[in-house]
C-alpha atoms as a PDB file:
ATOM      1  CA  MET A   1     -14.128  42.880  -8.589  1.00  0.00           C
ATOM      2  CA  SER A   2     -16.241  40.977  -6.081  1.00  0.00           C
ATOM      3  CA  HIS A   3     -15.019  37.828  -4.445  1.00  0.00           C
ATOM      4  CA  THR A   4     -16.540  35.099  -2.325  1.00  0.00           C
ATOM      5  CA  VAL A   5     -13.602  34.162  -0.105  1.00  0.00           C
ATOM      6  CA  ASP A   6     -10.986  36.465   1.423  1.00  0.00           C
ATOM      7  CA  VAL A   7      -7.251  35.817   1.370  1.00  0.00           C
ATOM      8  CA  PRO A   8      -6.131  37.334   4.700  1.00  0.00           C
ATOM      9  CA  PRO A   9      -2.869  39.323   4.937  1.00  0.00           C
ATOM     10  CA  GLU A  10      -1.264  36.611   7.138  1.00  0.00           C
ATOM     11  CA  LEU A  11      -1.798  34.019   4.411  1.00  0.00           C
ATOM     12  CA  LYS A  12      -0.459  36.385   1.743  1.00  0.00           C
ATOM     13  CA  ALA A  13       2.669  36.854   3.884  1.00  0.00           C
ATOM     14  CA  SER A  14       3.062  33.066   4.287  1.00  0.00           C
ATOM     15  CA  LEU A  15       2.674  32.578   0.540  1.00  0.00           C
ATOM     16  CA  ARG A  16       5.294  35.239  -0.168  1.00  0.00           C
ATOM     17  CA  LYS A  17       7.728  33.715   2.342  1.00  0.00           C
ATOM     18  CA  PHE A  18       7.142  30.241   0.874  1.00  0.00           C
ATOM     19  CA  ARG A  19       7.599  31.504  -2.683  1.00  0.00           C
ATOM     20  CA  PHE A  20      10.966  33.125  -1.996  1.00  0.00           C
ATOM     21  CA  ALA A  21      12.451  30.442   0.277  1.00  0.00           C
ATOM     22  CA  ARG A  22      15.716  29.009  -1.059  1.00  0.00           C
ATOM     23  CA  ARG A  23      15.627  25.304  -1.781  1.00  0.00           C
ATOM     24  CA  ASN A  24      18.478  23.041  -2.839  1.00  0.00           C
ATOM     25  CA  GLU A  25      16.724  19.678  -2.728  1.00  0.00           C
ATOM     26  CA  GLY A  26      13.358  18.076  -2.140  1.00  0.00           C
ATOM     27  CA  SER A  27       9.877  19.444  -2.589  1.00  0.00           C
ATOM     28  CA  ALA A  28       8.101  21.755  -0.149  1.00  0.00           C
ATOM     29  CA  ALA A  29       4.346  22.249   0.238  1.00  0.00           C
ATOM     30  CA  LEU A  30       1.955  24.772   1.755  1.00  0.00           C
ATOM     31  CA  ILE A  31      -1.630  23.529   2.262  1.00  0.00           C
ATOM     32  CA  VAL A  32      -4.594  25.932   2.401  1.00  0.00           C
ATOM     33  CA  LYS A  33      -8.273  25.322   3.100  1.00  0.00           C
ATOM     34  CA  ILE A  34     -11.391  27.482   3.038  1.00  0.00           C
ATOM     35  CA  ASN A  35     -13.168  28.193   6.317  1.00  0.00           C
ATOM     36  CA  LYS A  36     -16.772  27.945   5.133  1.00  0.00           C
ATOM     37  CA  GLN A  37     -18.259  29.762   8.146  1.00  0.00           C
ATOM     38  CA  ARG A  38     -15.920  32.779   7.989  1.00  0.00           C
ATOM     39  CA  LEU A  39     -15.400  32.727   4.196  1.00  0.00           C
ATOM     40  CA  ILE A  40     -11.635  33.100   4.489  1.00  0.00           C
ATOM     41  CA  MET A  41      -8.694  30.975   3.410  1.00  0.00           C
ATOM     42  CA  GLU A  42      -6.574  29.452   6.178  1.00  0.00           C
ATOM     43  CA  GLU A  43      -3.101  27.926   6.130  1.00  0.00           C
ATOM     44  CA  VAL A  44      -3.311  24.312   7.292  1.00  0.00           C
ATOM     45  CA  GLU A  45       0.359  23.315   7.302  1.00  0.00           C
ATOM     46  CA  THR A  46       3.715  23.823   5.614  1.00  0.00           C
ATOM     47  CA  PHE A  47       6.125  20.988   4.859  1.00  0.00           C
ATOM     48  CA  ASP A  48       9.791  21.207   3.870  1.00  0.00           C
ATOM     49  CA  ASN A  49      11.505  18.411   1.961  1.00  0.00           C
ATOM     50  CA  ILE A  50       8.401  16.226   1.622  1.00  0.00           C
ATOM     51  CA  SER A  51       7.867  13.533  -0.972  1.00  0.00           C
ATOM     52  CA  ILE A  52       4.702  13.537  -3.045  1.00  0.00           C
ATOM     53  CA  ALA A  53       3.782  10.130  -1.560  1.00  0.00           C
ATOM     54  CA  ASP A  54       4.106  11.521   1.982  1.00  0.00           C
ATOM     55  CA  LEU A  55       2.025  14.551   1.038  1.00  0.00           C
ATOM     56  CA  ALA A  56      -0.741  12.385  -0.424  1.00  0.00           C
ATOM     57  CA  GLU A  57      -0.795  10.053   2.558  1.00  0.00           C
ATOM     58  CA  GLY A  58      -0.376  12.478   5.437  1.00  0.00           C
ATOM     59  CA  GLY A  59       3.135  13.778   5.807  1.00  0.00           C
ATOM     60  CA  PRO A  60       6.442  12.286   6.879  1.00  0.00           C
ATOM     61  CA  LEU A  61       5.893  10.379  10.123  1.00  0.00           C
ATOM     62  CA  HIS A  62       9.633   9.810  10.501  1.00  0.00           C
ATOM     63  CA  ASP A  63      10.053  13.503  11.389  1.00  0.00           C
ATOM     64  CA  PHE A  64       8.040  13.137  14.603  1.00  0.00           C
ATOM     65  CA  PRO A  65       9.706  12.553  17.972  1.00  0.00           C
ATOM     66  CA  ARG A  66       9.393   9.198  19.707  1.00  0.00           C
ATOM     67  CA  ASN A  67       6.552  10.406  21.958  1.00  0.00           C
ATOM     68  CA  ILE A  68       4.073  11.083  19.179  1.00  0.00           C
ATOM     69  CA  ASP A  69       1.207  11.704  21.660  1.00  0.00           C
ATOM     70  CA  GLU A  70       2.668  15.156  22.356  1.00  0.00           C
ATOM     71  CA  TYR A  71       2.190  16.259  18.752  1.00  0.00           C
ATOM     72  CA  PRO A  72      -0.844  16.519  16.477  1.00  0.00           C
ATOM     73  CA  ALA A  73      -1.199  14.111  13.584  1.00  0.00           C
ATOM     74  CA  PRO A  74       0.213  15.393  10.303  1.00  0.00           C
ATOM     75  CA  ALA A  75      -2.213  17.211   8.031  1.00  0.00           C
ATOM     76  CA  GLU A  76      -3.115  14.799   5.298  1.00  0.00           C
ATOM     77  CA  LEU A  77      -4.991  15.786   2.214  1.00  0.00           C
ATOM     78  CA  PRO A  78      -8.569  14.756   2.997  1.00  0.00           C
ATOM     79  CA  GLU A  79     -10.432  12.434   0.660  1.00  0.00           C
ATOM     80  CA  ASN A  80     -13.675  14.417   0.955  1.00  0.00           C
ATOM     81  CA  SER A  81     -12.687  18.077   1.234  1.00  0.00           C
ATOM     82  CA  PRO A  82     -10.951  20.369  -1.281  1.00  0.00           C
ATOM     83  CA  ARG A  83      -7.604  22.073  -0.600  1.00  0.00           C
ATOM     84  CA  TYR A  84      -5.161  24.311  -2.417  1.00  0.00           C
ATOM     85  CA  VAL A  85      -1.614  22.938  -2.277  1.00  0.00           C
ATOM     86  CA  VAL A  86       1.267  25.169  -3.371  1.00  0.00           C
ATOM     87  CA  ILE A  87       4.344  23.059  -4.094  1.00  0.00           C
ATOM     88  CA  SER A  88       7.910  24.067  -4.746  1.00  0.00           C
ATOM     89  CA  TYR A  89       8.524  20.913  -6.751  1.00  0.00           C
ATOM     90  CA  GLU A  90      11.945  19.347  -7.328  1.00  0.00           C
ATOM     91  CA  LEU A  91      11.933  18.634 -11.065  1.00  0.00           C
ATOM     92  CA  LYS A  92      14.829  16.685 -12.574  1.00  0.00           C
ATOM     93  CA  HIS A  93      15.371  17.324 -16.284  1.00  0.00           C
ATOM     94  CA  SER A  94      16.728  14.835 -18.828  1.00  0.00           C
ATOM     95  CA  ASP A  95      19.859  16.982 -19.329  1.00  0.00           C
ATOM     96  CA  GLY A  96      20.782  16.680 -15.630  1.00  0.00           C
ATOM     97  CA  ARG A  97      19.481  20.068 -14.483  1.00  0.00           C
ATOM     98  CA  THR A  98      17.231  20.404 -11.448  1.00  0.00           C
ATOM     99  CA  SER A  99      14.635  23.148 -11.160  1.00  0.00           C
ATOM    100  CA  PHE A 100      12.057  24.034  -8.509  1.00  0.00           C
ATOM    101  CA  PRO A 101       8.904  25.289 -10.258  1.00  0.00           C
ATOM    102  CA  LEU A 102       6.094  26.640  -8.112  1.00  0.00           C
ATOM    103  CA  VAL A 103       2.944  24.642  -8.839  1.00  0.00           C
ATOM    104  CA  LEU A 104      -0.609  24.878  -7.502  1.00  0.00           C
ATOM    105  CA  ILE A 105      -2.393  21.583  -7.007  1.00  0.00           C
ATOM    106  CA  ASN A 106      -6.132  22.079  -6.960  1.00  0.00           C
ATOM    107  CA  TRP A 107      -7.028  19.171  -4.648  1.00  0.00           C
ATOM    108  CA  ALA A 108     -10.733  18.622  -5.327  1.00  0.00           C
ATOM    109  CA  PRO A 109     -11.789  15.010  -4.648  1.00  0.00           C
ATOM    110  CA  THR A 110     -15.043  14.022  -6.331  1.00  0.00           C
ATOM    111  CA  SER A 111     -16.407  12.835  -2.958  1.00  0.00           C
ATOM    112  CA  SER A 112     -16.378  16.414  -1.580  1.00  0.00           C
ATOM    113  CA  GLU A 113     -19.617  18.121  -0.576  1.00  0.00           C
ATOM    114  CA  ILE A 114     -21.102  20.062  -3.531  1.00  0.00           C
ATOM    115  CA  GLY A 115     -21.418  23.381  -1.665  1.00  0.00           C
ATOM    116  CA  MET A 116     -17.772  23.245  -0.589  1.00  0.00           C
ATOM    117  CA  MET A 117     -16.661  22.324  -4.123  1.00  0.00           C
ATOM    118  CA  THR A 118     -18.568  25.314  -5.514  1.00  0.00           C
ATOM    119  CA  LEU A 119     -16.995  27.663  -2.966  1.00  0.00           C
ATOM    120  CA  HIS A 120     -13.553  26.180  -3.638  1.00  0.00           C
ATOM    121  CA  ALA A 121     -13.945  26.527  -7.419  1.00  0.00           C
ATOM    122  CA  SER A 122     -15.171  30.122  -7.140  1.00  0.00           C
ATOM    123  CA  ALA A 123     -12.082  31.108  -5.112  1.00  0.00           C
ATOM    124  CA  LEU A 124      -9.472  29.249  -7.201  1.00  0.00           C
ATOM    125  CA  TRP A 125      -8.555  32.162  -9.475  1.00  0.00           C
ATOM    126  CA  GLU A 126      -8.184  34.548  -6.532  1.00  0.00           C
ATOM    127  CA  PHE A 127      -5.960  32.093  -4.645  1.00  0.00           C
ATOM    128  CA  GLN A 128      -3.890  31.436  -7.769  1.00  0.00           C
ATOM    129  CA  ALA A 129      -3.331  35.188  -8.136  1.00  0.00           C
ATOM    130  CA  ALA A 130      -2.460  35.606  -4.429  1.00  0.00           C
ATOM    131  CA  ALA A 131       0.036  32.722  -4.638  1.00  0.00           C
ATOM    132  CA  ASP A 132       1.414  34.111  -7.931  1.00  0.00           C
ATOM    133  CA  VAL A 133       1.463  30.648  -9.503  1.00  0.00           C
ATOM    134  CA  SER A 134       0.924  30.109 -13.216  1.00  0.00           C
ATOM    135  CA  LYS A 135       0.806  26.281 -13.387  1.00  0.00           C
ATOM    136  CA  VAL A 136      -2.306  24.615 -11.926  1.00  0.00           C
ATOM    137  CA  ILE A 137      -2.689  20.843 -11.744  1.00  0.00           C
ATOM    138  CA  GLU A 138      -6.213  19.526 -11.184  1.00  0.00           C
ATOM    139  CA  MET A 139      -6.288  16.543  -8.826  1.00  0.00           C
ATOM    140  CA  ARG A 140      -9.664  14.841  -8.359  1.00  0.00           C
ATOM    141  CA  GLU A 141      -8.724  11.169  -7.954  1.00  0.00           C
ATOM    142  CA  GLY A 142      -7.684  11.327  -4.290  1.00  0.00           C
ATOM    143  CA  PRO A 143      -4.368  10.115  -2.812  1.00  0.00           C
ATOM    144  CA  GLU A 144      -3.853   7.410  -5.433  1.00  0.00           C
ATOM    145  CA  GLY A 145      -3.868  10.061  -8.182  1.00  0.00           C
ATOM    146  CA  LEU A 146      -1.301  12.320  -6.508  1.00  0.00           C
ATOM    147  CA  THR A 147       1.985  10.747  -7.570  1.00  0.00           C
ATOM    148  CA  LYS A 148       5.397  11.980  -8.633  1.00  0.00           C
ATOM    149  CA  GLU A 149       4.778  10.456 -12.061  1.00  0.00           C
ATOM    150  CA  ALA A 150       1.477  12.349 -12.469  1.00  0.00           C
ATOM    151  CA  ILE A 151       3.098  15.679 -11.569  1.00  0.00           C
ATOM    152  CA  ASP A 152       6.134  15.007 -13.776  1.00  0.00           C
ATOM    153  CA  LYS A 153       3.777  14.272 -16.680  1.00  0.00           C
ATOM    154  CA  GLN A 154       1.824  17.511 -16.104  1.00  0.00           C
ATOM    155  CA  LEU A 155       5.071  19.496 -15.987  1.00  0.00           C
ATOM    156  CA  GLY A 156       6.427  17.871 -19.136  1.00  0.00           C
ATOM    157  CA  ALA A 157       9.376  16.117 -17.454  1.00  0.00           C
ATOM    158  CA  ARG A 158      11.142  13.469 -19.473  1.00  0.00           C
END
């Protein structure tokens, strides 16, 4: 089978480590982008115990030390460039149980460049297989569309 974008072994290892990490509370996220020049997928950042609001708006600023100039800005989901976001999502059920399903958010804002959107769409199935995720949530509305309520609805939470 031919493919347009490679998933390098380092990213496959990161995905495997992320998938099997033990979590007791909170959601975790691994963000991946496509390097258009090299035609490979690259890990952008991994977050532990991040809220969906923080993920949509750029990560938890409260985790940074007082001298923020020493550290790069958190990786926010761009409003004009697609990303794959694998989330270990804390899902609370109506019967009191908590589960942590692995979900792939296909972050594809409508303001993205057409060529990048085409490349992103052509590599989605391959990334989904590499991440071993069965549930994909399409997110095209930008940060205002990425909410806990929207994900709960997609996952059938009550």
